């Protein structure tokens, strides 16, 4: 697999701990689905064309140092570690049209995914609460494919638009 675009889902709960002045530590537990898609062409006779999608599901814990340079604006950076809870891929054949195939990939992937996150966000008042809009970039520090299980290894690269509420 390589860099590709695959929409996914994340959700969870965070804990924001004031450290000092304009600095907070933001942590919590979240579910993160990561994925990739690739078009495959195999030069057989006749040729084979397909699209493969891989899905990786993690329970993840970030530890982000958050800085508020001005009221309502913030920047965050820090590590995140994810524990793989499920993984599968689906192959959809287009030429020739064959039945789709699904594979369980959990045993072929590393059980943890170590990443670093960088984010910028804005807080806005919503009734008696605080709404947040955050743009986060995630970059894997380690590969996720087990050695010898895949033809290639890959690491996480993602951009997330996160919407939240704080009570």
C-alpha atoms as a PDB file:
ATOM      1  CA  UNK A   1       0.000   0.000   0.000  1.00  0.00           C
ATOM      2  CA  UNK A   2       1.076   3.579  -0.302  1.00  0.00           C
ATOM      3  CA  UNK A   3      -0.290   7.058   0.148  1.00  0.00           C
ATOM      4  CA  UNK A   4      -3.908   7.198  -0.857  1.00  0.00           C
ATOM      5  CA  UNK A   5      -7.131   8.839   0.174  1.00  0.00           C
ATOM      6  CA  UNK A   6      -9.662   6.853   2.137  1.00  0.00           C
ATOM      7  CA  UNK A   7     -12.350   8.585   4.228  1.00  0.00           C
ATOM      8  CA  UNK A   8     -12.679   7.110   7.699  1.00  0.00           C
ATOM      9  CA  UNK A   9     -14.231   7.697  11.107  1.00  0.00           C
ATOM     10  CA  UNK A  10     -12.968   8.623  14.547  1.00  0.00           C
ATOM     11  CA  UNK A  11     -14.764   9.297  17.811  1.00  0.00           C
ATOM     12  CA  UNK A  12     -14.048   9.287  21.492  1.00  0.00           C
ATOM     13  CA  UNK A  13     -13.732  11.196  24.733  1.00  0.00           C
ATOM     14  CA  UNK A  14     -10.959  13.523  25.839  1.00  0.00           C
ATOM     15  CA  UNK A  15      -9.629  14.714  29.148  1.00  0.00           C
ATOM     16  CA  UNK A  16      -8.104  18.193  29.272  1.00  0.00           C
ATOM     17  CA  UNK A  17      -5.735  18.795  32.185  1.00  0.00           C
ATOM     18  CA  UNK A  18      -4.504  22.353  32.826  1.00  0.00           C
ATOM     19  CA  UNK A  19      -0.733  22.411  33.254  1.00  0.00           C
ATOM     20  CA  UNK A  20       0.277  26.024  33.659  1.00  0.00           C
ATOM     21  CA  UNK A  21      -0.849  29.320  32.197  1.00  0.00           C
ATOM     22  CA  UNK A  22      -1.765  28.777  28.565  1.00  0.00           C
ATOM     23  CA  UNK A  23      -0.696  25.105  28.458  1.00  0.00           C
ATOM     24  CA  UNK A  24      -2.909  22.028  28.828  1.00  0.00           C
ATOM     25  CA  UNK A  25      -2.390  18.304  28.408  1.00  0.00           C
ATOM     26  CA  UNK A  26      -5.096  16.701  26.263  1.00  0.00           C
ATOM     27  CA  UNK A  27      -5.491  12.929  26.428  1.00  0.00           C
ATOM     28  CA  UNK A  28      -8.329  10.449  26.289  1.00  0.00           C
ATOM     29  CA  UNK A  29      -9.502   7.352  24.489  1.00  0.00           C
ATOM     30  CA  UNK A  30     -10.701   7.289  20.920  1.00  0.00           C
ATOM     31  CA  UNK A  31     -11.681   4.849  18.229  1.00  0.00           C
ATOM     32  CA  UNK A  32      -9.838   5.497  14.960  1.00  0.00           C
ATOM     33  CA  UNK A  33     -10.461   3.807  11.636  1.00  0.00           C
ATOM     34  CA  UNK A  34      -7.598   4.146   9.184  1.00  0.00           C
ATOM     35  CA  UNK A  35      -7.541   2.879   5.647  1.00  0.00           C
ATOM     36  CA  UNK A  36      -6.193   2.989   2.154  1.00  0.00           C
ATOM     37  CA  UNK A  37      -7.362   2.031  -1.304  1.00  0.00           C
ATOM     38  CA  UNK A  38      -5.382   0.954  -4.343  1.00  0.00           C
ATOM     39  CA  UNK A  39      -6.168   0.017  -7.895  1.00  0.00           C
ATOM     40  CA  UNK A  40      -4.555  -3.280  -8.889  1.00  0.00           C
ATOM     41  CA  UNK A  41      -3.704  -4.431 -12.398  1.00  0.00           C
ATOM     42  CA  UNK A  42      -2.188  -7.883 -12.799  1.00  0.00           C
ATOM     43  CA  UNK A  43      -0.670  -8.600 -16.227  1.00  0.00           C
ATOM     44  CA  UNK A  44      -2.218 -12.018 -16.708  1.00  0.00           C
ATOM     45  CA  UNK A  45      -3.852 -13.339 -19.817  1.00  0.00           C
ATOM     46  CA  UNK A  46      -6.556 -12.018 -19.745  1.00  0.00           C
ATOM     47  CA  UNK A  47      -5.527  -9.040 -17.533  1.00  0.00           C
ATOM     48  CA  UNK A  48      -7.023  -8.732 -14.052  1.00  0.00           C
ATOM     49  CA  UNK A  49      -8.158  -5.358 -12.651  1.00  0.00           C
ATOM     50  CA  UNK A  50      -9.392  -4.766  -9.119  1.00  0.00           C
ATOM     51  CA  UNK A  51      -9.543  -2.260  -6.311  1.00  0.00           C
ATOM     52  CA  UNK A  52      -8.337  -3.190  -2.826  1.00  0.00           C
ATOM     53  CA  UNK A  53      -9.397  -1.370   0.334  1.00  0.00           C
ATOM     54  CA  UNK A  54      -7.794  -2.023   3.706  1.00  0.00           C
ATOM     55  CA  UNK A  55      -9.390  -0.973   6.984  1.00  0.00           C
ATOM     56  CA  UNK A  56      -7.539  -0.829  10.320  1.00  0.00           C
ATOM     57  CA  UNK A  57      -9.483  -0.206  13.546  1.00  0.00           C
ATOM     58  CA  UNK A  58      -7.614   1.105  16.603  1.00  0.00           C
ATOM     59  CA  UNK A  59      -8.294   2.136  20.179  1.00  0.00           C
ATOM     60  CA  UNK A  60      -5.953   5.057  20.517  1.00  0.00           C
ATOM     61  CA  UNK A  61      -4.586   7.280  23.305  1.00  0.00           C
ATOM     62  CA  UNK A  62      -3.063  10.663  22.436  1.00  0.00           C
ATOM     63  CA  UNK A  63      -0.973  12.806  24.811  1.00  0.00           C
ATOM     64  CA  UNK A  64      -1.038  16.276  23.287  1.00  0.00           C
ATOM     65  CA  UNK A  65       0.619  19.363  24.740  1.00  0.00           C
ATOM     66  CA  UNK A  66      -1.809  22.173  23.911  1.00  0.00           C
ATOM     67  CA  UNK A  67      -0.939  25.857  23.797  1.00  0.00           C
ATOM     68  CA  UNK A  68      -3.444  28.741  23.694  1.00  0.00           C
ATOM     69  CA  UNK A  69      -1.650  31.777  22.126  1.00  0.00           C
ATOM     70  CA  UNK A  70      -4.926  33.742  22.180  1.00  0.00           C
ATOM     71  CA  UNK A  71      -8.370  33.208  23.599  1.00  0.00           C
ATOM     72  CA  UNK A  72     -10.161  30.403  21.701  1.00  0.00           C
ATOM     73  CA  UNK A  73      -7.231  29.497  19.362  1.00  0.00           C
ATOM     74  CA  UNK A  74      -4.989  26.553  20.198  1.00  0.00           C
ATOM     75  CA  UNK A  75      -2.135  24.444  18.832  1.00  0.00           C
ATOM     76  CA  UNK A  76      -1.367  20.883  19.938  1.00  0.00           C
ATOM     77  CA  UNK A  77       1.489  18.460  19.386  1.00  0.00           C
ATOM     78  CA  UNK A  78       2.387  15.105  20.864  1.00  0.00           C
ATOM     79  CA  UNK A  79       2.513  11.326  20.561  1.00  0.00           C
ATOM     80  CA  UNK A  80      -0.372   8.924  20.081  1.00  0.00           C
ATOM     81  CA  UNK A  81      -0.371   5.163  20.389  1.00  0.00           C
ATOM     82  CA  UNK A  82      -3.049   2.939  18.905  1.00  0.00           C
ATOM     83  CA  UNK A  83      -3.882  -0.677  19.757  1.00  0.00           C
ATOM     84  CA  UNK A  84      -5.129  -2.661  16.748  1.00  0.00           C
ATOM     85  CA  UNK A  85      -8.552  -4.167  17.462  1.00  0.00           C
ATOM     86  CA  UNK A  86      -9.509  -5.287  13.932  1.00  0.00           C
ATOM     87  CA  UNK A  87      -8.240  -5.182  10.354  1.00  0.00           C
ATOM     88  CA  UNK A  88      -9.614  -6.417   7.068  1.00  0.00           C
ATOM     89  CA  UNK A  89      -9.382  -5.751   3.398  1.00  0.00           C
ATOM     90  CA  UNK A  90     -11.883  -6.044   0.584  1.00  0.00           C
ATOM     91  CA  UNK A  91     -10.935  -6.725  -3.037  1.00  0.00           C
ATOM     92  CA  UNK A  92     -13.489  -5.690  -5.675  1.00  0.00           C
ATOM     93  CA  UNK A  93     -12.792  -7.124  -9.122  1.00  0.00           C
ATOM     94  CA  UNK A  94     -13.789  -5.025 -12.138  1.00  0.00           C
ATOM     95  CA  UNK A  95     -12.233  -6.812 -15.120  1.00  0.00           C
ATOM     96  CA  UNK A  96     -13.215  -9.600 -15.328  1.00  0.00           C
ATOM     97  CA  UNK A  97     -16.167  -9.118 -12.974  1.00  0.00           C
ATOM     98  CA  UNK A  98     -15.631 -11.652 -10.189  1.00  0.00           C
ATOM     99  CA  UNK A  99     -17.178 -11.922  -6.709  1.00  0.00           C
ATOM    100  CA  UNK A 100     -15.680  -9.567  -4.130  1.00  0.00           C
ATOM    101  CA  UNK A 101     -13.295 -11.101  -1.603  1.00  0.00           C
ATOM    102  CA  UNK A 102     -12.772 -10.107   2.037  1.00  0.00           C
ATOM    103  CA  UNK A 103      -9.776 -11.019   4.204  1.00  0.00           C
ATOM    104  CA  UNK A 104      -9.078 -10.726   7.941  1.00  0.00           C
ATOM    105  CA  UNK A 105      -5.703  -8.962   8.235  1.00  0.00           C
ATOM    106  CA  UNK A 106      -5.350  -8.528  11.999  1.00  0.00           C
ATOM    107  CA  UNK A 107      -2.627 -11.188  12.362  1.00  0.00           C
ATOM    108  CA  UNK A 108      -0.661  -9.706   9.438  1.00  0.00           C
ATOM    109  CA  UNK A 109      -0.391  -6.250  11.047  1.00  0.00           C
ATOM    110  CA  UNK A 110       1.539  -4.987  14.057  1.00  0.00           C
ATOM    111  CA  UNK A 111      -0.569  -4.818  17.216  1.00  0.00           C
ATOM    112  CA  UNK A 112       0.389  -1.182  17.916  1.00  0.00           C
ATOM    113  CA  UNK A 113       0.709   1.950  15.821  1.00  0.00           C
ATOM    114  CA  UNK A 114       2.913   4.768  17.149  1.00  0.00           C
ATOM    115  CA  UNK A 115       2.202   8.219  15.728  1.00  0.00           C
ATOM    116  CA  UNK A 116       2.867  11.911  16.277  1.00  0.00           C
ATOM    117  CA  UNK A 117       0.040  14.441  15.961  1.00  0.00           C
ATOM    118  CA  UNK A 118       0.048  18.174  15.250  1.00  0.00           C
ATOM    119  CA  UNK A 119      -3.163  20.187  15.364  1.00  0.00           C
ATOM    120  CA  UNK A 120      -4.644  23.664  15.251  1.00  0.00           C
ATOM    121  CA  UNK A 121      -8.093  24.525  16.462  1.00  0.00           C
ATOM    122  CA  UNK A 122     -10.681  27.026  17.492  1.00  0.00           C
ATOM    123  CA  UNK A 123     -13.158  27.026  20.376  1.00  0.00           C
ATOM    124  CA  UNK A 124     -16.565  28.659  20.131  1.00  0.00           C
ATOM    125  CA  UNK A 125     -19.371  29.123  22.625  1.00  0.00           C
ATOM    126  CA  UNK A 126     -22.362  26.813  22.119  1.00  0.00           C
ATOM    127  CA  UNK A 127     -25.138  27.503  24.643  1.00  0.00           C
ATOM    128  CA  UNK A 128     -23.497  26.807  28.047  1.00  0.00           C
ATOM    129  CA  UNK A 129     -20.746  24.650  26.526  1.00  0.00           C
ATOM    130  CA  UNK A 130     -17.705  25.005  24.294  1.00  0.00           C
ATOM    131  CA  UNK A 131     -17.603  23.670  20.743  1.00  0.00           C
ATOM    132  CA  UNK A 132     -14.279  22.849  19.130  1.00  0.00           C
ATOM    133  CA  UNK A 133     -13.151  22.653  15.519  1.00  0.00           C
ATOM    134  CA  UNK A 134      -9.735  21.055  15.048  1.00  0.00           C
ATOM    135  CA  UNK A 135      -7.606  20.210  12.038  1.00  0.00           C
ATOM    136  CA  UNK A 136      -5.111  17.452  12.965  1.00  0.00           C
ATOM    137  CA  UNK A 137      -2.261  15.916  10.989  1.00  0.00           C
ATOM    138  CA  UNK A 138      -1.142  12.440  12.048  1.00  0.00           C
ATOM    139  CA  UNK A 139       2.137  10.839  10.957  1.00  0.00           C
ATOM    140  CA  UNK A 140       3.119   7.277  11.790  1.00  0.00           C
ATOM    141  CA  UNK A 141       6.533   6.737  13.348  1.00  0.00           C
ATOM    142  CA  UNK A 142       6.553   2.990  12.753  1.00  0.00           C
ATOM    143  CA  UNK A 143       5.366   0.722   9.962  1.00  0.00           C
ATOM    144  CA  UNK A 144       2.178  -1.253  10.532  1.00  0.00           C
ATOM    145  CA  UNK A 145       2.746  -4.325   8.336  1.00  0.00           C
ATOM    146  CA  UNK A 146       4.392  -7.341   9.947  1.00  0.00           C
ATOM    147  CA  UNK A 147       7.672  -8.344   8.358  1.00  0.00           C
ATOM    148  CA  UNK A 148       7.173 -10.890   5.581  1.00  0.00           C
ATOM    149  CA  UNK A 149       3.355 -10.674   5.584  1.00  0.00           C
ATOM    150  CA  UNK A 150       3.048  -7.981   2.882  1.00  0.00           C
ATOM    151  CA  UNK A 151       4.992  -7.049  -0.241  1.00  0.00           C
ATOM    152  CA  UNK A 152       5.511  -3.595   1.256  1.00  0.00           C
ATOM    153  CA  UNK A 153       5.220  -1.784   4.578  1.00  0.00           C
ATOM    154  CA  UNK A 154       3.425   1.485   5.226  1.00  0.00           C
ATOM    155  CA  UNK A 155       2.954   4.015   7.984  1.00  0.00           C
ATOM    156  CA  UNK A 156       0.065   6.212   8.956  1.00  0.00           C
ATOM    157  CA  UNK A 157      -0.450   9.572   7.305  1.00  0.00           C
ATOM    158  CA  UNK A 158      -3.724  11.322   7.864  1.00  0.00           C
ATOM    159  CA  UNK A 159      -5.552  14.609   8.052  1.00  0.00           C
ATOM    160  CA  UNK A 160      -8.541  14.754  10.375  1.00  0.00           C
ATOM    161  CA  UNK A 161     -11.237  17.366  10.764  1.00  0.00           C
ATOM    162  CA  UNK A 162     -12.528  16.959  14.318  1.00  0.00           C
ATOM    163  CA  UNK A 163     -15.680  18.494  15.767  1.00  0.00           C
ATOM    164  CA  UNK A 164     -16.301  18.307  19.495  1.00  0.00           C
ATOM    165  CA  UNK A 165     -18.172  19.593  22.525  1.00  0.00           C
ATOM    166  CA  UNK A 166     -16.761  20.293  25.974  1.00  0.00           C
ATOM    167  CA  UNK A 167     -18.904  20.354  29.091  1.00  0.00           C
END
